[in-house]
Protein backbone atom coordinates (compact mmCIF):
# COMPACT_ATOMS: atom_id res chain seq x y z
CA UNK A 1 -39.13 25.79 23.91
CA UNK A 2 -37.23 25.88 20.60
CA UNK A 3 -39.38 26.95 17.67
CA UNK A 4 -38.69 26.72 13.95
CA UNK A 5 -40.93 28.62 11.49
CA UNK A 6 -41.26 28.38 7.72
CA UNK A 7 -43.32 30.97 5.84
CA UNK A 8 -44.78 30.74 2.34
CA UNK A 9 -46.69 33.26 0.28
CA UNK A 10 -47.54 36.93 0.46
CA UNK A 11 -46.45 39.93 2.53
CA UNK A 12 -49.53 39.45 4.71
CA UNK A 13 -48.32 35.96 5.58
CA UNK A 14 -44.96 37.43 6.55
CA UNK A 15 -46.78 39.84 8.86
CA UNK A 16 -48.76 36.93 10.34
CA UNK A 17 -45.49 35.12 11.02
CA UNK A 18 -44.33 38.18 12.94
CA UNK A 19 -47.55 37.99 14.97
CA UNK A 20 -46.78 34.33 15.70
CA UNK A 21 -43.26 35.22 16.82
CA UNK A 22 -44.58 37.97 19.08
CA UNK A 23 -47.06 35.63 20.77
CA UNK A 24 -44.58 32.80 21.27
CA UNK A 25 -41.82 35.15 22.46
CA UNK A 26 -44.09 36.10 25.34
CA UNK A 27 -44.27 32.41 26.19
CA UNK A 28 -40.48 32.16 26.33
CA UNK A 29 -39.88 30.65 22.88
CA UNK A 30 -36.43 30.62 21.34
CA UNK A 31 -36.48 30.77 17.54
CA UNK A 32 -33.96 28.62 15.70
CA UNK A 33 -32.98 28.06 12.04
CA UNK A 34 -32.59 24.26 12.21
CA UNK A 35 -35.86 22.32 12.24
CA UNK A 36 -33.99 19.18 13.38
CA UNK A 37 -33.42 20.77 16.80
CA UNK A 38 -36.91 22.21 17.23
CA UNK A 39 -39.51 21.27 19.84
CA UNK A 40 -42.16 23.02 17.75
CA UNK A 41 -42.28 23.37 13.95
CA UNK A 42 -44.70 25.91 12.48
CA UNK A 43 -45.38 26.06 8.76
CA UNK A 44 -47.29 29.19 7.74
CA UNK A 45 -48.78 28.18 4.41
CA UNK A 46 -50.17 29.66 1.18
CA UNK A 47 -52.98 28.27 -0.98
CA UNK A 48 -52.96 30.69 -3.93
CA UNK A 49 -51.23 28.36 -6.42
CA UNK A 50 -51.27 24.63 -7.05
CA UNK A 51 -47.49 24.36 -7.45
CA UNK A 52 -46.97 26.10 -4.10
CA UNK A 53 -49.47 23.72 -2.52
CA UNK A 54 -47.59 20.69 -3.83
CA UNK A 55 -44.30 22.09 -2.54
CA UNK A 56 -45.78 22.67 0.93
CA UNK A 57 -47.35 19.20 1.08
CA UNK A 58 -44.01 17.60 0.16
CA UNK A 59 -42.36 19.64 2.90
CA UNK A 60 -44.98 18.63 5.48
CA UNK A 61 -44.47 14.96 4.59
CA UNK A 62 -40.73 15.36 5.06
CA UNK A 63 -41.11 17.11 8.42
CA UNK A 64 -43.64 14.54 9.63
CA UNK A 65 -41.30 11.67 8.78
CA UNK A 66 -38.01 13.21 9.90
CA UNK A 67 -39.15 15.13 12.99
CA UNK A 68 -41.59 12.71 14.66
CA UNK A 69 -41.00 14.09 18.16
CA UNK A 70 -41.65 17.73 17.30
CA UNK A 71 -45.06 19.33 17.62
CA UNK A 72 -46.06 20.41 14.11
CA UNK A 73 -48.48 23.28 13.58
CA UNK A 74 -49.77 24.08 10.09
CA UNK A 75 -51.05 27.65 9.91
CA UNK A 76 -52.18 29.89 7.05
CA UNK A 77 -54.48 29.49 4.08
CA UNK A 78 -53.66 25.89 3.14
CA UNK A 79 -54.66 24.73 6.64
CA UNK A 80 -58.19 25.93 5.90
CA UNK A 81 -58.27 24.93 2.23
CA UNK A 82 -56.86 21.38 2.54
CA UNK A 83 -57.35 20.12 6.13
CA UNK A 84 -58.08 16.53 5.08
CA UNK A 85 -55.07 16.31 2.77
CA UNK A 86 -52.76 17.76 5.41
CA UNK A 87 -54.16 15.40 8.05
CA UNK A 88 -53.49 12.41 5.82
CA UNK A 89 -49.89 13.47 5.22
CA UNK A 90 -49.21 14.74 8.74
CA UNK A 91 -51.76 13.11 11.08
CA UNK A 92 -50.53 14.65 14.32
CA UNK A 93 -50.31 18.23 13.04
CA UNK A 94 -52.48 20.94 14.59
CA UNK A 95 -54.23 23.15 12.03
CA UNK A 96 -54.79 26.89 12.46
CA UNK A 97 -56.71 28.94 9.90
CA UNK A 98 -55.50 32.51 9.14
CA UNK A 99 -58.19 34.24 11.22
CA UNK A 100 -57.21 32.16 14.27
CA UNK A 101 -53.52 33.07 14.16
CA UNK A 102 -53.77 35.01 17.44
CA UNK A 103 -54.59 31.72 19.22
CA UNK A 104 -51.31 30.12 18.17
CA UNK A 105 -49.98 30.24 21.74
CA UNK A 106 -52.83 28.08 23.04
CA UNK A 107 -52.25 25.60 20.21
CA UNK A 108 -48.52 25.32 20.87
CA UNK A 109 -49.03 24.85 24.63
CA UNK A 110 -51.77 22.26 24.20
CA UNK A 111 -50.85 18.64 24.84
CA UNK A 112 -53.33 17.48 22.20
CA UNK A 113 -53.92 18.07 18.51
CA UNK A 114 -55.91 21.27 17.89
CA UNK A 115 -58.06 22.10 14.86
CA UNK A 116 -58.93 25.79 14.62
CA UNK A 117 -60.58 25.95 11.21
CA UNK A 118 -64.05 27.50 11.31
CA UNK A 119 -65.88 30.47 12.74
CA UNK A 120 -62.95 32.73 13.61
CA UNK A 121 -62.77 36.46 12.94
CA UNK A 122 -59.48 38.37 12.99
CA UNK A 123 -59.60 40.97 15.76
CA UNK A 124 -56.01 42.27 15.60
CA UNK A 125 -55.67 41.90 19.36
CA UNK A 126 -51.95 41.33 18.89
CA UNK A 127 -49.69 43.16 16.44
CA UNK A 128 -46.04 42.28 15.79
CA UNK A 129 -43.32 43.50 18.11
CA UNK A 130 -40.63 45.44 16.20
CA UNK A 131 -37.19 43.86 16.15
CA UNK A 132 -35.60 44.74 12.82
CA UNK A 133 -35.09 47.64 10.42
CA UNK A 134 -38.15 46.40 8.52
CA UNK A 135 -41.52 46.24 10.25
CA UNK A 136 -44.60 44.46 8.87
CA UNK A 137 -47.89 45.60 10.36
CA UNK A 138 -51.08 43.84 9.20
CA UNK A 139 -53.76 46.48 8.66
CA UNK A 140 -56.43 44.47 6.83
CA UNK A 141 -57.44 40.95 5.82
CA UNK A 142 -60.08 39.79 3.35
CA UNK A 143 -61.40 41.35 0.16
CA UNK A 144 -64.53 42.64 -1.55
CA UNK A 145 -64.18 40.42 -4.61
CA UNK A 146 -65.25 37.00 -5.77
CA UNK A 147 -62.77 36.37 -8.58
CA UNK A 148 -63.32 33.12 -10.46
CA UNK A 149 -59.73 31.92 -9.92
CA UNK A 150 -59.10 32.98 -6.32
CA UNK A 151 -59.42 30.91 -3.16
CA UNK A 152 -58.73 33.85 -0.83
CA UNK A 153 -62.38 34.79 -0.17
CA UNK A 154 -62.75 31.28 1.28
CA UNK A 155 -59.52 31.23 3.28
CA UNK A 156 -59.37 34.88 4.40
CA UNK A 157 -63.03 35.93 4.28
CA UNK A 158 -64.45 39.42 3.88
CA UNK A 159 -62.76 42.71 4.70
CA UNK A 160 -61.71 43.10 8.32
CA UNK A 161 -59.63 46.15 9.27
CA UNK A 162 -57.37 46.82 12.20
CA UNK A 163 -58.56 49.90 14.14
CA UNK A 164 -56.53 52.93 12.99
CA UNK A 165 -55.46 53.82 16.53
CA UNK A 166 -53.85 50.37 16.89
CA UNK A 167 -52.00 50.71 13.59
CA UNK A 168 -50.68 54.17 14.49
CA UNK A 169 -49.56 53.00 17.93
CA UNK A 170 -47.76 50.01 16.41
CA UNK A 171 -45.98 52.12 13.78
CA UNK A 172 -45.01 54.73 16.36
CA UNK A 173 -43.53 52.07 18.63
CA UNK A 174 -41.65 50.54 15.70
CA UNK A 175 -40.15 53.87 14.62
CA UNK A 176 -39.16 54.69 18.21
CA UNK A 177 -37.32 51.35 18.33
CA UNK A 178 -35.38 52.16 15.17
CA UNK A 179 -37.50 50.62 12.38
CA UNK A 180 -37.26 52.66 9.19
CA UNK A 181 -38.81 50.41 6.53
CA UNK A 182 -42.49 50.18 7.49
CA UNK A 183 -44.83 47.92 5.49
CA UNK A 184 -48.61 48.33 5.77
CA UNK A 185 -49.56 44.78 4.78
CA UNK A 186 -52.98 43.70 3.61
CA UNK A 187 -54.77 41.42 1.21
CA UNK A 188 -56.16 44.57 -0.40
CA UNK A 189 -54.80 47.73 1.18
CA UNK A 190 -57.24 49.94 -0.74
CA UNK A 191 -60.13 48.11 0.95
CA UNK A 192 -58.85 49.15 4.37
CA UNK A 193 -61.59 50.68 6.51
CA UNK A 194 -64.60 49.66 4.41
CA UNK A 195 -65.94 47.70 7.38
CA UNK A 196 -65.32 50.43 9.98
CA UNK A 197 -66.15 53.61 8.07
CA UNK A 198 -62.52 54.59 7.50
CA UNK A 199 -60.08 54.60 4.54
CA UNK A 200 -56.46 53.97 3.62
CA UNK A 201 -55.68 57.66 2.91
CA UNK A 202 -57.10 58.63 6.31
CA UNK A 203 -54.98 55.95 7.99
CA UNK A 204 -51.79 57.10 6.25
CA UNK A 205 -52.53 60.73 7.10
CA UNK A 206 -53.10 59.73 10.73
CA UNK A 207 -49.73 57.94 10.78
CA UNK A 208 -47.93 60.89 9.20
CA UNK A 209 -49.50 63.33 11.67
CA UNK A 210 -48.71 61.25 14.75
CA UNK A 211 -45.47 59.43 13.97
CA UNK A 212 -42.40 61.62 13.68
CA UNK A 213 -38.98 60.31 12.78
CA UNK A 214 -36.88 58.75 10.06
CA UNK A 215 -38.93 56.15 8.22
CA UNK A 216 -40.43 55.24 4.86
CA UNK A 217 -43.94 53.80 4.60
CA UNK A 218 -44.84 51.13 2.01
CA UNK A 219 -48.40 50.50 0.87
CA UNK A 220 -49.27 46.88 0.17
CA UNK A 221 -51.07 45.50 -2.88
CA UNK A 222 -54.29 47.23 -3.93
CA UNK A 223 -57.13 45.91 -6.05
CA UNK A 224 -57.90 48.27 -8.98
CA UNK A 225 -61.62 48.55 -8.22
CA UNK A 226 -61.08 49.57 -4.61
CA UNK A 227 -58.13 51.84 -5.44
CA UNK A 228 -60.33 53.80 -7.85
CA UNK A 229 -62.59 54.83 -4.95
CA UNK A 230 -59.79 56.56 -3.04
CA UNK A 231 -57.52 57.60 -5.90
CA UNK A 232 -57.25 61.37 -5.43
CA UNK A 233 -56.93 61.20 -1.64
CA UNK A 234 -54.35 58.42 -1.88
CA UNK A 235 -52.17 60.33 -4.34
CA UNK A 236 -52.25 63.34 -2.02
CA UNK A 237 -50.92 61.43 1.00
CA UNK A 238 -48.40 59.51 -1.13
CA UNK A 239 -46.68 62.80 -1.99
CA UNK A 240 -45.40 63.00 1.57
CA UNK A 241 -41.65 62.35 1.84
CA UNK A 242 -42.26 59.51 4.29
CA UNK A 243 -44.20 57.40 1.76
CA UNK A 244 -42.57 55.13 -0.82
CA UNK A 245 -43.46 56.11 -4.36
CA UNK A 246 -44.60 52.59 -5.18
CA UNK A 247 -47.85 50.94 -6.22
CA UNK A 248 -48.70 47.29 -6.69
CA UNK A 249 -51.98 47.02 -8.61
CA UNK A 250 -52.67 43.61 -10.22
CA UNK A 251 -54.36 43.74 -13.64
CA UNK A 252 -54.32 39.94 -14.25
CA UNK A 253 -55.23 40.27 -17.97
CA UNK A 254 -55.17 42.88 -20.71
CA UNK A 255 -58.31 41.54 -22.36
CA UNK A 256 -61.80 42.72 -21.41
CA UNK A 257 -63.47 39.38 -22.12
CA UNK A 258 -61.00 37.51 -19.92
CA UNK A 259 -61.41 40.11 -17.17
CA UNK A 260 -65.16 39.50 -17.32
CA UNK A 261 -64.68 35.73 -17.10
CA UNK A 262 -62.36 36.31 -14.14
CA UNK A 263 -65.11 38.41 -12.50
CA UNK A 264 -62.78 41.38 -12.15
CA UNK A 265 -64.56 44.69 -11.53
CA UNK A 266 -62.97 46.90 -14.19
CA UNK A 267 -62.19 47.15 -17.88
CA UNK A 268 -58.77 47.56 -19.47
CA UNK A 269 -59.42 51.25 -20.13
CA UNK A 270 -60.56 51.86 -16.55
CA UNK A 271 -57.37 50.20 -15.32
CA UNK A 272 -55.21 52.30 -17.66
CA UNK A 273 -56.89 55.48 -16.48
CA UNK A 274 -56.12 54.52 -12.88
CA UNK A 275 -52.46 53.75 -13.56
CA UNK A 276 -51.89 56.85 -15.71
CA UNK A 277 -53.24 59.00 -12.87
CA UNK A 278 -50.55 57.56 -10.57
CA UNK A 279 -47.80 57.78 -13.18
CA UNK A 280 -48.61 61.39 -14.07
CA UNK A 281 -48.76 62.48 -10.43
CA UNK A 282 -45.14 61.69 -9.56
CA UNK A 283 -41.80 62.47 -11.14
CA UNK A 284 -40.77 58.86 -10.51
CA UNK A 285 -42.88 56.01 -9.20
CA UNK A 286 -42.44 52.24 -9.31
CA UNK A 287 -45.45 50.43 -10.73
CA UNK A 288 -45.85 46.68 -10.16
CA UNK A 289 -48.58 44.41 -11.43
CA UNK A 290 -49.58 40.73 -11.77
CA UNK A 291 -50.60 38.70 -14.83
CA UNK A 292 -52.33 35.31 -14.95
CA UNK A 293 -51.44 33.45 -18.14
CA UNK A 294 -53.75 30.80 -19.59
CA UNK A 295 -56.92 31.59 -17.67
CA UNK A 296 -59.90 29.68 -19.17
CA UNK A 297 -61.16 31.65 -22.16
CA UNK A 298 -57.80 33.22 -22.99
CA UNK A 299 -57.20 32.67 -26.70
CA UNK A 300 -54.24 33.96 -28.72
CA UNK A 301 -55.95 37.29 -29.36
CA UNK A 302 -56.61 37.81 -25.65
CA UNK A 303 -53.01 36.92 -24.83
CA UNK A 304 -51.73 39.43 -27.40
CA UNK A 305 -53.99 42.06 -25.83
CA UNK A 306 -52.21 41.43 -22.52
CA UNK A 307 -48.84 41.87 -24.24
CA UNK A 308 -50.06 45.11 -25.80
CA UNK A 309 -51.20 46.40 -22.41
CA UNK A 310 -47.78 45.77 -20.86
CA UNK A 311 -46.08 47.54 -23.78
CA UNK A 312 -48.47 50.43 -23.29
CA UNK A 313 -48.12 50.86 -19.52
CA UNK A 314 -44.53 49.60 -19.12
CA UNK A 315 -44.61 48.42 -15.52
CA UNK A 316 -41.40 48.25 -13.45
CA UNK A 317 -42.21 44.80 -12.12
CA UNK A 318 -44.57 42.04 -13.26
CA UNK A 319 -45.35 38.80 -11.49
CA UNK A 320 -46.28 36.30 -14.22
CA UNK A 321 -48.14 33.20 -13.08
CA UNK A 322 -49.70 30.40 -15.10
CA UNK A 323 -53.31 29.76 -14.14
CA UNK A 324 -53.76 26.75 -11.85
CA UNK A 325 -56.99 25.20 -10.64
CA UNK A 326 -57.95 26.08 -7.07
CA UNK A 327 -60.67 24.47 -4.95
CA UNK A 328 -63.78 26.47 -3.94
CA UNK A 329 -63.55 28.61 -7.11
CA UNK A 330 -65.60 28.88 -10.31
CA UNK A 331 -62.85 28.68 -12.95
CA UNK A 332 -62.27 24.88 -12.77
CA UNK A 333 -65.71 24.38 -14.37
CA UNK A 334 -64.67 26.43 -17.41
CA UNK A 335 -62.94 25.06 -20.49
CA UNK A 336 -59.24 24.93 -19.67
CA UNK A 337 -56.33 26.17 -21.77
CA UNK A 338 -53.96 23.25 -22.51
CA UNK A 339 -50.88 23.23 -20.31
CA UNK A 340 -48.37 23.34 -23.23
CA UNK A 341 -50.04 26.52 -24.51
CA UNK A 342 -49.93 28.08 -21.04
CA UNK A 343 -46.25 27.27 -20.72
CA UNK A 344 -45.43 28.68 -24.16
CA UNK A 345 -47.34 31.89 -23.49
CA UNK A 346 -45.72 32.23 -20.09
CA UNK A 347 -42.24 32.02 -21.67
CA UNK A 348 -43.19 34.65 -24.25
CA UNK A 349 -44.60 36.95 -21.60
CA UNK A 350 -41.61 36.61 -19.28
CA UNK A 351 -39.32 37.51 -22.19
CA UNK A 352 -41.39 40.63 -22.87
CA UNK A 353 -41.53 41.56 -19.18
CA UNK A 354 -37.76 41.27 -18.80
CA UNK A 355 -37.30 43.57 -21.80
CA UNK A 356 -39.71 46.18 -20.41
CA UNK A 357 -38.37 46.08 -16.85
CA UNK A 358 -34.79 46.36 -18.09
CA UNK A 359 -35.76 49.45 -20.08
CA UNK A 360 -37.39 50.95 -16.99
CA UNK A 361 -34.32 50.28 -14.83
CA UNK A 362 -32.04 51.79 -17.48
CA UNK A 363 -33.66 55.13 -16.61
CA UNK A 364 -31.71 54.98 -13.34
CA UNK A 365 -28.32 54.30 -14.96
CA UNK A 366 -25.83 56.99 -13.97
CA UNK A 367 -28.15 58.54 -11.39
CA UNK A 368 -27.24 59.13 -7.76
CA UNK A 369 -29.95 57.71 -5.51
CA UNK A 370 -30.50 57.71 -1.79
CA UNK A 371 -30.68 54.16 -0.45
CA UNK A 372 -32.09 52.97 2.86
CA UNK A 373 -29.80 50.06 3.78
CA UNK A 374 -31.94 47.07 4.79
CA UNK A 375 -29.54 44.13 4.60
CA UNK A 376 -25.84 43.32 5.06
CA UNK A 377 -24.67 40.47 2.84
CA UNK A 378 -21.30 38.70 2.73
CA UNK A 379 -18.17 40.79 3.11
CA UNK A 380 -18.94 44.46 2.49
CA UNK A 381 -21.94 44.02 0.20
CA UNK A 382 -25.22 45.66 1.16
CA UNK A 383 -28.69 46.05 -0.30
CA UNK A 384 -31.50 48.47 0.27
CA UNK A 385 -34.34 50.46 -1.26
CA UNK A 386 -34.75 53.82 -2.92
CA UNK A 387 -37.75 56.05 -2.22
CA UNK A 388 -39.35 54.40 -5.27
CA UNK A 389 -38.77 50.99 -3.61
CA UNK A 390 -36.22 49.98 -6.23
CA UNK A 391 -33.85 47.31 -4.87
CA UNK A 392 -30.19 48.40 -4.97
CA UNK A 393 -27.06 46.32 -4.35
CA UNK A 394 -23.73 48.00 -3.66
CA UNK A 395 -20.33 47.43 -2.09
CA UNK A 396 -19.89 49.42 1.09
CA UNK A 397 -17.36 49.49 3.90
CA UNK A 398 -17.04 48.65 7.57
CA UNK A 399 -18.58 51.97 8.62
CA UNK A 400 -21.95 51.26 7.01
CA UNK A 401 -24.67 49.53 8.96
CA UNK A 402 -28.24 48.44 8.35
CA UNK A 403 -30.56 51.41 8.78
CA UNK A 404 -28.16 53.97 7.32
CA UNK A 405 -29.12 56.15 4.40
CA UNK A 406 -26.37 56.35 1.82
CA UNK A 407 -25.86 57.94 -1.58
CA UNK A 408 -25.22 55.42 -4.36
CA UNK A 409 -24.43 56.02 -8.04
CA UNK A 410 -26.11 53.44 -10.29
CA UNK A 411 -23.46 51.77 -12.45
CA UNK A 412 -25.29 48.71 -13.76
CA UNK A 413 -28.87 47.50 -14.03
CA UNK A 414 -30.70 44.29 -14.92
CA UNK A 415 -34.45 43.64 -15.14
CA UNK A 416 -34.67 42.98 -11.39
CA UNK A 417 -32.47 45.42 -9.48
CA UNK A 418 -29.91 48.20 -9.63
CA UNK A 419 -26.21 47.87 -8.86
CA UNK A 420 -24.41 50.91 -7.57
CA UNK A 421 -21.21 52.41 -6.28
CA UNK A 422 -21.09 54.08 -2.89
CA UNK A 423 -20.49 57.84 -3.10
CA UNK A 424 -18.09 59.24 -0.53
């Protein structure tokens, strides 16, 4: 059985794809890179943004028309959010909602079309098998929020955590097999354990106490309101040398009125207090955030407040996204910001973000940094991550291999990554 997989969306979706690969590998699947030669085509989808949805639907139409003999399985959030639309475009496709991902083997082996769309709860019965230097382990799905713009509460549901013993066992196995770049993936990592009387800091401490070896641990995205609950304990465990000095905490807007309309659970000042606590606790830490431009109710003053917040906090990385209407959410009923205004503000914000992130990366210019090599590109070019999760590109030699730790002197920077020279 030849299987081709396409994945869209977040780190959690990437982890789910690894779960799919693990399940199908046990059934004898061979994974290929050419969908034209596949017996089974799996598209693991995302429903967060309208433009991504359109892209996926176009792709499904193409696959349905050009690969009529292949069994097509549509997994992920869009399968649950748009089953009728997908069925119209790709009538023979089986649909598997995110919480039913562990049943993908049954769907693939079935001779009929399967629709697994309602009533499933993720039980983490299967975690990914390690096979690369980077290992994605899903520790949590769902969230505690009900944001006015977000479809995820509908597609992913409430918080469901993987038992800590399972996570530790999976990480230990991965490290023993040579994985060094370990990602704890989640929809909201800070919400981990709320449903089982546990917490993210306790989980990380358990991993550090039980998993010895050469690895760095990355914490996935955290919602500000849930991160506030565990702040001091989280900072304590993050000081361990095995943990990346990196946080991804989406703010979405720098205006209190817009945050209220979004149904976010914090104010701008509460968010700043949270971020400053992280920034002041480490000599160097990478801080990433997200901004939604043009959310209903965002006027020019609110937009300028967002710009002021970014100038104040100076994040290392910002994902800027124009607001798009999503089904099963409250924001479509609000008065919308005209698309030309959203586009103009987005351009202005991206320009500001690139200026800020370049300034942050300039702090690394001339420094020697340790890099965990995670990828070998063409010829002798490699890329990897620093302990602050900064991406670094450098020219190496034939002796270097993925998984090595090397010393690199930063010679050039741009807003997105560092470029270095290998130190002998």
